[in-house]
N, C-alpha and C. Protein backbone atom coordinates (compact mmCIF):
# COMPACT_ATOMS: atom_id res chain seq x y z
N MET A 1 102.70 138.27 82.31
CA MET A 1 102.83 136.60 82.92
C MET A 1 101.66 135.54 82.08
N THR A 2 102.01 134.80 81.95
CA THR A 2 101.32 133.61 81.36
C THR A 2 100.40 132.77 82.09
N THR A 3 99.04 132.60 81.59
CA THR A 3 98.01 131.98 82.64
C THR A 3 98.03 130.76 82.06
N ILE A 4 98.22 129.59 82.40
CA ILE A 4 98.27 128.25 82.41
C ILE A 4 96.44 127.53 82.39
N LYS A 5 96.15 127.04 81.17
CA LYS A 5 94.62 126.72 80.99
C LYS A 5 94.63 125.27 81.54
N SER A 6 93.49 125.28 82.12
CA SER A 6 93.05 124.22 82.99
C SER A 6 92.91 122.90 81.78
N PRO A 7 93.34 121.58 82.18
CA PRO A 7 93.09 120.69 80.84
C PRO A 7 91.49 120.09 81.21
N LEU A 8 90.76 120.41 82.02
CA LEU A 8 89.55 120.63 82.39
C LEU A 8 88.66 121.78 82.70
N SER A 9 87.44 121.90 82.25
CA SER A 9 86.48 122.69 82.71
C SER A 9 84.89 122.32 82.60
N PHE A 10 84.18 122.65 83.10
CA PHE A 10 82.97 122.11 83.22
C PHE A 10 82.47 123.20 83.39
N ALA A 11 81.18 123.53 82.49
CA ALA A 11 79.89 124.58 82.85
C ALA A 11 78.49 123.92 82.74
N ILE A 12 77.79 124.25 83.44
CA ILE A 12 76.37 123.99 83.55
C ILE A 12 75.50 125.33 82.34
N LEU A 13 75.03 124.50 81.52
CA LEU A 13 74.60 125.43 80.30
C LEU A 13 72.91 125.63 80.57
N GLY A 14 71.90 124.83 81.32
CA GLY A 14 71.00 124.72 81.82
C GLY A 14 70.79 123.90 82.92
N LYS A 15 69.17 124.28 83.68
CA LYS A 15 68.77 123.27 84.60
C LYS A 15 67.57 123.29 84.34
N CYS A 16 66.61 121.89 84.95
CA CYS A 16 65.17 121.88 84.88
C CYS A 16 64.82 122.18 86.20
N GLY A 17 63.59 122.75 85.70
CA GLY A 17 62.56 123.77 86.92
C GLY A 17 62.55 122.65 88.15
N SER A 18 61.65 121.73 87.54
CA SER A 18 61.23 120.58 88.38
C SER A 18 62.10 119.50 89.22
N SER A 19 63.00 119.58 88.74
CA SER A 19 64.43 118.49 89.23
C SER A 19 65.71 118.96 89.21
N LYS A 20 66.55 118.39 90.01
CA LYS A 20 67.96 118.53 90.19
C LYS A 20 68.95 118.00 88.62
N ALA A 21 67.90 117.74 87.55
CA ALA A 21 68.45 117.62 86.25
C ALA A 21 69.72 118.71 85.57
N ARG A 22 70.37 118.55 84.88
CA ARG A 22 71.04 119.80 84.37
C ARG A 22 71.83 119.19 83.09
N VAL A 23 72.03 120.26 82.09
CA VAL A 23 72.75 119.91 81.16
C VAL A 23 74.22 120.83 81.30
N GLY A 24 74.95 120.14 80.38
CA GLY A 24 76.45 120.77 80.52
C GLY A 24 77.59 120.23 79.71
N LYS A 25 78.54 120.96 79.74
CA LYS A 25 79.77 120.94 78.97
C LYS A 25 80.99 120.64 79.29
N ILE A 26 81.57 119.50 79.28
CA ILE A 26 83.07 119.66 79.76
C ILE A 26 84.26 119.98 78.49
N THR A 27 84.85 120.51 78.81
CA THR A 27 85.99 120.76 77.93
C THR A 27 87.35 120.05 78.49
N LEU A 28 87.53 119.00 77.34
CA LEU A 28 88.65 118.23 77.72
C LEU A 28 89.71 118.66 76.66
N PRO A 29 91.52 118.22 76.52
CA PRO A 29 92.09 118.12 75.49
C PRO A 29 91.40 117.82 74.59
N HIS A 30 90.83 117.06 74.27
CA HIS A 30 90.53 116.25 72.76
C HIS A 30 89.08 116.93 72.63
N GLY A 31 88.94 117.67 73.12
CA GLY A 31 87.21 118.60 72.39
C GLY A 31 86.36 118.71 73.49
N PRO A 32 85.06 118.84 73.13
CA PRO A 32 84.29 119.23 74.48
C PRO A 32 82.75 117.89 74.37
N VAL A 33 82.74 117.87 75.32
CA VAL A 33 81.90 116.71 75.77
C VAL A 33 80.41 117.35 76.38
N ASP A 34 79.36 117.05 75.72
CA ASP A 34 78.35 117.26 76.45
C ASP A 34 77.89 116.71 77.23
N THR A 35 77.07 117.04 78.43
CA THR A 35 76.15 116.16 79.40
C THR A 35 74.99 116.62 79.56
N PRO A 36 74.16 115.26 80.08
CA PRO A 36 74.33 113.95 80.19
C PRO A 36 75.30 113.23 79.02
N VAL A 37 75.99 112.32 78.76
CA VAL A 37 76.35 111.53 77.80
C VAL A 37 76.46 110.38 77.81
N PHE A 38 76.11 109.19 76.59
CA PHE A 38 76.56 107.78 76.63
C PHE A 38 77.82 107.92 76.61
N MET A 39 78.54 106.69 76.79
CA MET A 39 79.62 106.84 76.47
C MET A 39 80.06 105.14 75.96
N SER A 40 80.32 105.20 74.47
CA SER A 40 80.69 103.74 74.10
C SER A 40 81.81 103.21 74.61
N VAL A 41 81.82 101.90 74.79
CA VAL A 41 82.79 100.75 75.54
C VAL A 41 83.55 100.54 74.84
N GLY A 42 85.26 100.68 74.65
CA GLY A 42 86.12 99.80 74.16
C GLY A 42 87.15 99.42 74.93
N THR A 43 86.62 98.57 75.77
CA THR A 43 87.22 97.69 76.77
C THR A 43 88.98 98.06 76.65
N GLN A 44 89.12 97.02 75.56
CA GLN A 44 90.69 97.01 75.23
C GLN A 44 91.16 97.75 74.57
N GLY A 45 90.62 98.92 74.17
CA GLY A 45 90.92 100.19 73.15
C GLY A 45 90.53 99.61 71.73
N THR A 46 89.35 99.11 71.64
CA THR A 46 88.73 98.87 70.57
C THR A 46 87.44 98.91 70.45
N LEU A 47 86.41 99.46 69.51
CA LEU A 47 85.10 99.46 69.80
C LEU A 47 84.75 98.11 68.69
N LYS A 48 84.35 96.78 69.00
CA LYS A 48 84.13 95.77 68.19
C LYS A 48 83.25 96.53 66.90
N GLY A 49 83.21 96.09 65.80
CA GLY A 49 82.45 96.21 64.64
C GLY A 49 82.13 97.83 63.91
N MET A 50 83.11 98.83 64.78
CA MET A 50 82.89 100.00 64.78
C MET A 50 84.25 100.73 64.36
N LEU A 51 84.49 101.91 63.14
CA LEU A 51 85.73 102.31 62.84
C LEU A 51 85.30 103.59 63.55
N PRO A 52 86.49 104.17 64.01
CA PRO A 52 86.59 105.71 64.53
C PRO A 52 85.73 106.61 63.25
N GLU A 53 85.84 106.49 62.31
CA GLU A 53 85.24 107.64 61.61
C GLU A 53 83.74 107.45 61.71
N GLN A 54 83.13 106.15 61.98
CA GLN A 54 81.78 105.92 61.90
C GLN A 54 80.97 106.66 63.55
N LEU A 55 81.91 106.55 64.32
CA LEU A 55 81.74 107.14 65.91
C LEU A 55 81.52 108.40 65.52
N LYS A 56 82.94 109.11 64.97
CA LYS A 56 82.74 110.13 65.21
C LYS A 56 81.34 110.81 64.34
N ALA A 57 81.27 110.13 62.98
CA ALA A 57 80.01 110.75 62.40
C ALA A 57 78.59 110.62 63.10
N MET A 58 78.61 109.18 64.18
CA MET A 58 77.57 109.53 64.85
C MET A 58 77.52 110.65 66.16
N GLY A 59 78.35 111.02 66.44
CA GLY A 59 78.54 112.32 66.94
C GLY A 59 79.24 111.90 68.26
N VAL A 60 79.62 110.78 68.12
CA VAL A 60 80.33 110.17 70.01
C VAL A 60 81.71 111.25 70.11
N GLN A 61 81.73 111.75 71.40
CA GLN A 61 82.46 112.58 71.64
C GLN A 61 83.39 112.02 72.95
N ILE A 62 83.12 110.87 73.46
CA ILE A 62 84.00 110.21 74.61
C ILE A 62 83.82 108.68 74.43
N LEU A 63 84.94 107.78 74.76
CA LEU A 63 85.05 106.73 74.59
C LEU A 63 85.44 106.32 75.92
N LEU A 64 84.90 105.02 76.16
CA LEU A 64 85.33 104.56 77.75
C LEU A 64 86.46 103.24 77.34
N ALA A 65 87.11 103.10 77.80
CA ALA A 65 88.47 101.97 78.06
C ALA A 65 88.75 101.69 79.78
N ASN A 66 88.92 100.18 79.63
CA ASN A 66 89.69 99.91 81.27
C ASN A 66 90.91 99.58 81.44
N THR A 67 91.49 100.32 82.55
CA THR A 67 92.92 100.50 82.75
C THR A 67 93.16 98.77 82.82
N TYR A 68 92.36 97.78 83.85
CA TYR A 68 93.14 96.42 84.12
C TYR A 68 92.70 95.61 82.91
N HIS A 69 91.94 95.99 81.74
CA HIS A 69 92.34 95.03 80.58
C HIS A 69 93.29 95.62 79.72
N LEU A 70 93.44 97.20 79.66
CA LEU A 70 94.55 97.54 78.67
C LEU A 70 95.78 97.55 78.87
N GLY A 71 96.07 97.37 80.59
CA GLY A 71 97.57 96.85 80.97
C GLY A 71 97.68 95.56 81.03
N THR A 72 97.13 94.59 80.94
CA THR A 72 97.25 93.57 80.74
C THR A 72 97.18 93.30 79.35
N ARG A 73 96.47 93.33 78.30
CA ARG A 73 96.05 93.42 77.10
C ARG A 73 95.43 93.87 76.22
N PRO A 74 96.00 95.05 75.71
CA PRO A 74 97.56 94.79 74.83
C PRO A 74 98.52 94.97 75.44
N GLY A 75 98.62 96.08 76.53
CA GLY A 75 99.42 95.86 77.39
C GLY A 75 100.65 97.66 77.49
N VAL A 76 100.73 97.96 78.54
CA VAL A 76 101.41 99.46 78.83
C VAL A 76 102.24 99.31 77.19
N ASP A 77 103.45 98.99 77.74
CA ASP A 77 104.16 98.82 76.63
C ASP A 77 104.27 98.81 74.95
N ILE A 78 103.06 97.73 75.12
CA ILE A 78 102.27 98.47 72.96
C ILE A 78 101.54 99.58 73.07
N LEU A 79 101.03 99.99 73.91
CA LEU A 79 100.49 100.71 74.31
C LEU A 79 101.46 102.59 74.12
N LEU A 80 102.09 102.61 74.68
CA LEU A 80 103.28 103.35 74.55
C LEU A 80 104.00 103.54 73.51
N LYS A 81 104.50 102.42 72.66
CA LYS A 81 104.96 102.38 71.54
C LYS A 81 104.21 102.89 70.26
N ALA A 82 103.08 102.77 70.74
CA ALA A 82 102.10 103.42 69.83
C ALA A 82 101.61 104.53 70.08
N GLY A 83 102.13 105.06 70.71
CA GLY A 83 102.28 106.82 70.95
C GLY A 83 101.03 107.13 71.79
N GLY A 84 100.59 106.15 72.63
CA GLY A 84 99.91 106.81 73.36
C GLY A 84 98.06 105.51 73.02
N LEU A 85 97.06 105.76 73.76
CA LEU A 85 95.87 105.18 73.57
C LEU A 85 95.21 105.90 72.17
N HIS A 86 95.00 106.93 72.20
CA HIS A 86 94.42 107.45 71.10
C HIS A 86 95.13 107.39 70.09
N LYS A 87 96.74 107.27 69.82
CA LYS A 87 96.88 106.82 68.40
C LYS A 87 96.75 105.37 68.50
N PHE A 88 96.90 104.40 69.49
CA PHE A 88 96.84 103.36 69.35
C PHE A 88 95.15 103.08 68.26
N MET A 89 94.16 103.61 69.16
CA MET A 89 92.78 103.24 68.38
C MET A 89 92.46 104.41 67.49
N ASN A 90 93.51 105.10 66.93
CA ASN A 90 93.14 105.87 66.02
C ASN A 90 91.88 106.80 66.31
N TRP A 91 91.96 107.04 67.25
CA TRP A 91 90.94 108.31 68.00
C TRP A 91 91.36 109.24 68.21
N ASP A 92 90.69 110.48 67.78
CA ASP A 92 91.34 111.99 68.11
C ASP A 92 90.44 112.41 69.19
N GLY A 93 89.50 111.76 69.43
CA GLY A 93 88.19 112.37 70.45
C GLY A 93 88.89 111.71 72.18
N ASN A 94 87.95 111.97 72.90
CA ASN A 94 88.15 112.35 74.35
C ASN A 94 88.51 110.67 74.73
N LEU A 95 88.71 110.16 75.52
CA LEU A 95 88.92 109.25 76.62
C LEU A 95 88.74 109.06 77.82
N LEU A 96 88.11 108.55 78.50
CA LEU A 96 87.96 108.38 79.65
C LEU A 96 88.33 106.60 80.09
N THR A 97 89.25 106.54 81.25
CA THR A 97 89.74 105.56 81.12
C THR A 97 88.98 104.69 82.67
N ASP A 98 88.51 103.91 82.75
CA ASP A 98 88.15 103.27 84.52
C ASP A 98 89.18 102.93 84.67
N SER A 99 89.05 103.18 86.41
CA SER A 99 90.75 102.21 87.78
C SER A 99 90.53 100.74 87.03
N GLY A 100 89.71 100.19 86.71
CA GLY A 100 90.12 98.37 86.67
C GLY A 100 89.55 98.14 87.84
N GLY A 101 89.03 98.70 89.04
CA GLY A 101 88.43 98.58 90.41
C GLY A 101 86.87 97.41 89.90
N PHE A 102 86.12 97.81 88.96
CA PHE A 102 85.01 96.88 88.66
C PHE A 102 85.56 95.42 88.31
N GLN A 103 86.79 95.16 87.97
CA GLN A 103 87.09 93.82 87.90
C GLN A 103 87.51 93.05 89.36
N MET A 104 87.31 93.72 90.64
CA MET A 104 87.39 93.23 91.99
C MET A 104 86.16 92.57 91.80
N VAL A 105 84.86 92.75 91.07
CA VAL A 105 83.53 91.78 91.30
C VAL A 105 83.82 91.41 90.38
N SER A 106 83.73 91.62 88.87
CA SER A 106 83.90 90.66 87.54
C SER A 106 84.33 89.42 88.00
N LEU A 107 86.06 89.35 88.41
CA LEU A 107 87.28 88.59 87.90
C LEU A 107 87.07 87.89 89.70
N LEU A 108 86.01 88.55 90.46
CA LEU A 108 86.60 87.97 92.11
C LEU A 108 86.95 86.76 92.27
N LYS A 109 86.54 85.69 91.39
CA LYS A 109 87.56 84.07 91.70
C LYS A 109 88.92 84.32 91.45
N LEU A 110 89.68 85.40 90.43
CA LEU A 110 90.76 85.40 90.08
C LEU A 110 91.80 86.95 90.93
N ALA A 111 90.99 87.08 91.81
CA ALA A 111 91.55 88.21 92.69
C ALA A 111 91.65 88.15 94.17
N GLU A 112 93.04 88.76 94.91
CA GLU A 112 92.95 88.63 95.75
C GLU A 112 93.17 90.32 96.49
N ILE A 113 92.19 90.84 97.40
CA ILE A 113 92.47 91.99 97.90
C ILE A 113 92.99 92.02 98.91
N THR A 114 94.00 92.86 98.91
CA THR A 114 94.81 93.39 99.87
C THR A 114 95.00 94.94 100.31
N GLU A 115 95.82 95.10 101.19
CA GLU A 115 95.92 96.72 101.73
C GLU A 115 96.55 97.59 100.93
N GLN A 116 97.46 97.06 99.78
CA GLN A 116 98.21 97.62 98.52
C GLN A 116 97.15 97.72 97.43
N GLY A 117 96.33 96.80 97.41
CA GLY A 117 95.51 96.64 95.89
C GLY A 117 94.87 95.74 95.50
N VAL A 118 94.77 95.49 94.38
CA VAL A 118 93.98 94.25 94.16
C VAL A 118 95.36 92.74 93.22
N LYS A 119 95.12 91.83 93.88
CA LYS A 119 96.24 91.03 92.82
C LYS A 119 95.48 90.02 91.96
N PHE A 120 95.45 90.14 90.71
CA PHE A 120 94.66 89.23 89.85
C PHE A 120 95.71 88.53 89.15
N GLU A 121 94.67 86.87 88.99
CA GLU A 121 95.65 85.98 88.13
C GLU A 121 95.19 86.33 86.92
N SER A 122 96.37 86.67 85.98
CA SER A 122 96.09 87.44 84.62
C SER A 122 94.80 86.27 83.69
N LEU A 123 94.36 86.86 83.06
CA LEU A 123 93.72 86.04 81.99
C LEU A 123 94.04 85.57 80.75
N ASN A 124 95.78 85.72 80.74
CA ASN A 124 96.26 85.35 79.83
C ASN A 124 97.21 84.14 80.01
N GLU A 125 97.43 83.30 78.81
CA GLU A 125 98.04 81.87 78.48
C GLU A 125 98.70 81.60 80.12
N GLN A 126 99.73 82.23 80.56
CA GLN A 126 101.12 82.14 81.41
C GLN A 126 100.02 82.32 82.73
N LYS A 127 98.97 82.65 82.59
CA LYS A 127 98.39 82.99 84.51
C LYS A 127 99.58 83.39 85.08
N ASP A 128 99.67 85.01 84.67
CA ASP A 128 100.61 86.24 85.78
C ASP A 128 99.73 86.59 86.59
N GLN A 129 100.52 86.47 87.55
CA GLN A 129 100.26 87.75 88.73
C GLN A 129 100.13 89.27 88.16
N VAL A 130 99.24 89.91 88.45
CA VAL A 130 98.83 91.26 88.21
C VAL A 130 98.86 91.92 89.31
N MET A 131 99.53 92.56 89.77
CA MET A 131 98.97 93.83 91.27
C MET A 131 98.79 95.38 90.80
N LEU A 132 97.21 95.53 91.18
CA LEU A 132 97.08 96.85 90.65
C LEU A 132 96.68 97.65 92.08
N SER A 133 97.67 98.35 92.09
CA SER A 133 97.27 99.57 93.40
C SER A 133 96.90 100.80 92.72
N PRO A 134 96.46 101.39 93.45
CA PRO A 134 95.43 102.56 93.39
C PRO A 134 96.66 103.80 92.40
N GLU A 135 97.95 103.56 93.08
CA GLU A 135 98.88 104.60 92.51
C GLU A 135 99.35 103.72 90.88
N HIS A 136 99.46 102.66 91.28
CA HIS A 136 99.66 101.90 89.71
C HIS A 136 98.69 102.10 88.75
N SER A 137 97.25 102.09 89.10
CA SER A 137 96.37 102.50 88.38
C SER A 137 96.12 103.94 87.52
N ILE A 138 96.88 104.82 88.56
CA ILE A 138 96.89 106.30 88.06
C ILE A 138 98.24 106.08 87.04
N GLU A 139 99.38 105.71 87.26
CA GLU A 139 100.30 105.52 86.45
C GLU A 139 99.76 105.46 85.07
N ILE A 140 98.99 103.68 84.75
CA ILE A 140 99.35 103.60 83.66
C ILE A 140 97.71 104.60 82.82
N GLN A 141 97.05 105.22 83.83
CA GLN A 141 96.29 105.99 83.38
C GLN A 141 97.13 107.25 82.54
N ASN A 142 98.00 108.07 83.29
CA ASN A 142 98.70 108.97 82.57
C ASN A 142 99.43 108.47 81.71
N ALA A 143 100.05 107.77 81.87
CA ALA A 143 100.89 107.33 80.45
C ALA A 143 100.86 106.86 79.52
N ILE A 144 99.04 106.17 79.33
CA ILE A 144 98.42 106.08 78.02
C ILE A 144 97.88 106.97 77.45
N GLY A 145 97.65 108.53 78.41
CA GLY A 145 96.91 109.69 77.97
C GLY A 145 95.32 109.64 78.00
N ALA A 146 94.81 109.07 78.75
CA ALA A 146 93.77 109.28 79.08
C ALA A 146 93.12 110.87 79.22
N ASP A 147 91.93 111.08 78.61
CA ASP A 147 91.65 112.84 78.92
C ASP A 147 90.84 112.79 80.37
N ILE A 148 90.08 111.60 81.04
CA ILE A 148 89.67 111.89 82.07
C ILE A 148 89.79 110.34 82.85
N ILE A 149 90.67 110.11 84.16
CA ILE A 149 91.22 109.12 84.45
C ILE A 149 89.93 109.18 86.09
N MET A 150 90.41 107.66 86.21
CA MET A 150 89.30 107.91 87.65
C MET A 150 90.53 106.60 88.54
N GLN A 151 90.21 107.25 89.92
CA GLN A 151 91.25 106.42 91.08
C GLN A 151 90.44 105.02 91.26
N LEU A 152 91.27 104.01 91.63
CA LEU A 152 91.15 102.74 91.90
C LEU A 152 89.55 102.82 92.62
N ASP A 153 88.78 101.77 92.40
CA ASP A 153 88.03 102.09 93.59
C ASP A 153 87.68 100.82 93.85
N ASP A 154 87.60 100.82 95.67
CA ASP A 154 87.31 98.92 96.19
C ASP A 154 85.74 99.17 95.90
N VAL A 155 85.38 98.15 94.50
CA VAL A 155 83.81 97.82 94.28
C VAL A 155 83.60 96.54 95.13
N VAL A 156 82.18 96.32 95.80
CA VAL A 156 81.72 95.32 96.05
C VAL A 156 80.65 95.05 95.67
N LYS A 157 80.31 93.33 95.35
CA LYS A 157 79.47 93.18 94.58
C LYS A 157 77.63 93.70 95.72
N THR A 158 76.78 93.69 94.56
CA THR A 158 75.45 94.74 95.39
C THR A 158 75.07 93.68 96.34
N THR A 159 74.79 92.31 95.97
CA THR A 159 74.45 91.37 96.73
C THR A 159 75.32 91.16 97.76
N VAL A 160 76.47 91.56 98.49
CA VAL A 160 77.16 91.41 99.05
C VAL A 160 76.40 91.46 100.74
N PRO A 161 75.76 91.15 101.81
CA PRO A 161 75.02 91.42 102.69
C PRO A 161 76.07 91.74 103.86
N ASP A 162 77.15 91.70 103.88
CA ASP A 162 78.25 91.87 104.69
C ASP A 162 78.49 93.61 105.20
N LYS A 163 77.94 94.14 106.05
CA LYS A 163 78.25 95.43 106.10
C LYS A 163 79.60 96.06 106.70
N GLU A 164 80.53 94.83 107.03
CA GLU A 164 81.53 95.61 107.44
C GLU A 164 82.35 95.39 106.03
N ARG A 165 82.04 94.81 105.55
CA ARG A 165 82.94 94.94 104.34
C ARG A 165 82.45 95.76 102.97
N ILE A 166 81.35 96.39 102.92
CA ILE A 166 80.64 97.67 102.59
C ILE A 166 81.84 98.90 103.19
N GLU A 167 81.50 99.00 104.45
CA GLU A 167 82.23 100.05 105.28
C GLU A 167 83.75 100.23 104.57
N GLU A 168 84.49 99.13 104.50
CA GLU A 168 85.39 98.92 104.56
C GLU A 168 85.85 99.34 102.85
N SER A 169 85.15 99.01 102.25
CA SER A 169 85.20 99.24 100.84
C SER A 169 85.14 100.89 100.54
N VAL A 170 84.40 101.39 100.89
CA VAL A 170 83.76 102.71 101.49
C VAL A 170 85.57 103.47 101.72
N HIS A 171 86.05 103.28 103.09
CA HIS A 171 86.99 103.94 103.65
C HIS A 171 88.18 103.59 102.75
N SER A 172 88.47 102.26 102.08
CA SER A 172 89.92 101.77 101.12
C SER A 172 89.63 102.93 99.93
N THR A 173 88.57 103.42 99.62
CA THR A 173 88.28 103.99 98.50
C THR A 173 88.84 105.30 98.90
N ARG A 174 88.09 106.02 99.95
CA ARG A 174 88.39 107.38 100.17
C ARG A 174 89.68 107.35 100.72
N ASN A 175 90.39 106.40 101.28
CA ASN A 175 91.94 106.55 101.82
C ASN A 175 92.56 106.89 100.88
N THR A 176 92.48 106.85 99.04
CA THR A 176 93.09 107.00 98.53
C THR A 176 93.35 108.22 97.95
N LEU A 177 92.61 108.99 98.35
CA LEU A 177 92.30 110.42 97.98
C LEU A 177 93.54 111.56 98.32
N PRO A 178 93.84 111.38 99.39
CA PRO A 178 94.74 112.72 99.94
C PRO A 178 96.40 112.36 99.05
N GLY A 179 96.70 110.96 99.34
CA GLY A 179 97.63 110.99 98.16
C GLY A 179 97.71 111.29 97.15
N PHE A 180 96.74 111.45 96.46
CA PHE A 180 96.47 111.48 94.92
C PHE A 180 96.59 113.33 94.78
N ALA A 181 95.66 114.05 95.96
CA ALA A 181 95.61 114.93 95.53
C ALA A 181 97.04 116.43 95.88
N GLN A 182 98.41 115.36 96.43
CA GLN A 182 99.27 115.81 96.40
C GLN A 182 100.46 115.53 95.43
N ASP A 183 100.17 114.59 94.41
CA ASP A 183 100.71 114.10 93.62
C ASP A 183 101.23 115.16 92.04
N LYS A 184 102.54 115.16 92.28
CA LYS A 184 102.57 116.28 91.19
C LYS A 184 102.63 116.05 89.78
N HIS A 185 102.08 114.48 89.37
CA HIS A 185 101.74 113.99 88.20
C HIS A 185 100.16 113.74 87.92
N CYS A 186 99.39 113.70 88.95
CA CYS A 186 98.14 113.53 88.56
C CYS A 186 97.41 115.32 87.64
N GLY A 187 96.93 114.34 86.70
CA GLY A 187 96.49 115.30 85.65
C GLY A 187 97.28 115.67 84.72
N SER A 188 98.18 115.02 84.81
CA SER A 188 99.18 115.49 83.75
C SER A 188 99.88 114.33 82.32
N HIS A 189 99.57 114.63 81.69
CA HIS A 189 99.90 113.80 80.51
C HIS A 189 101.22 113.32 79.92
């Protein structure tokens, strides 16, 4: 019988006796990540002013990129032609992709939140409409080969005084979970 190894494992290596702080190790397809961890951010698949070799020499174990921005520019087609996000970036370490949910706050003037997801007016010259649903966000992240993917969360600005809007945000984010738990493509590259 063949044993299938999980693409992700987590081990707690130590705990603080006076708090709930802990030290751990996440093992992912592209290597281990010590926690807690600082993630350098390459929003559109690049880290400004740094080469991958420099990041490795500094001990960087994981980079963060943003699904909304990657999906609009450079675009999923370009990333797939490059062989995925790792090859596009020339990065053999781990990658975490954010869902694109934060753009509901940062690009709120260009966004319309619907039951299906978020419709954005793209930042490109053509001002294309971009629909980012929870399913599409996951599809993009899986297609480009992220090691850790995030579900699309309904992010609300912290200064919003509208309690109903905050409750709606929690409800809509939680409602995406049952469908993903049954998705046969979740967690596969």
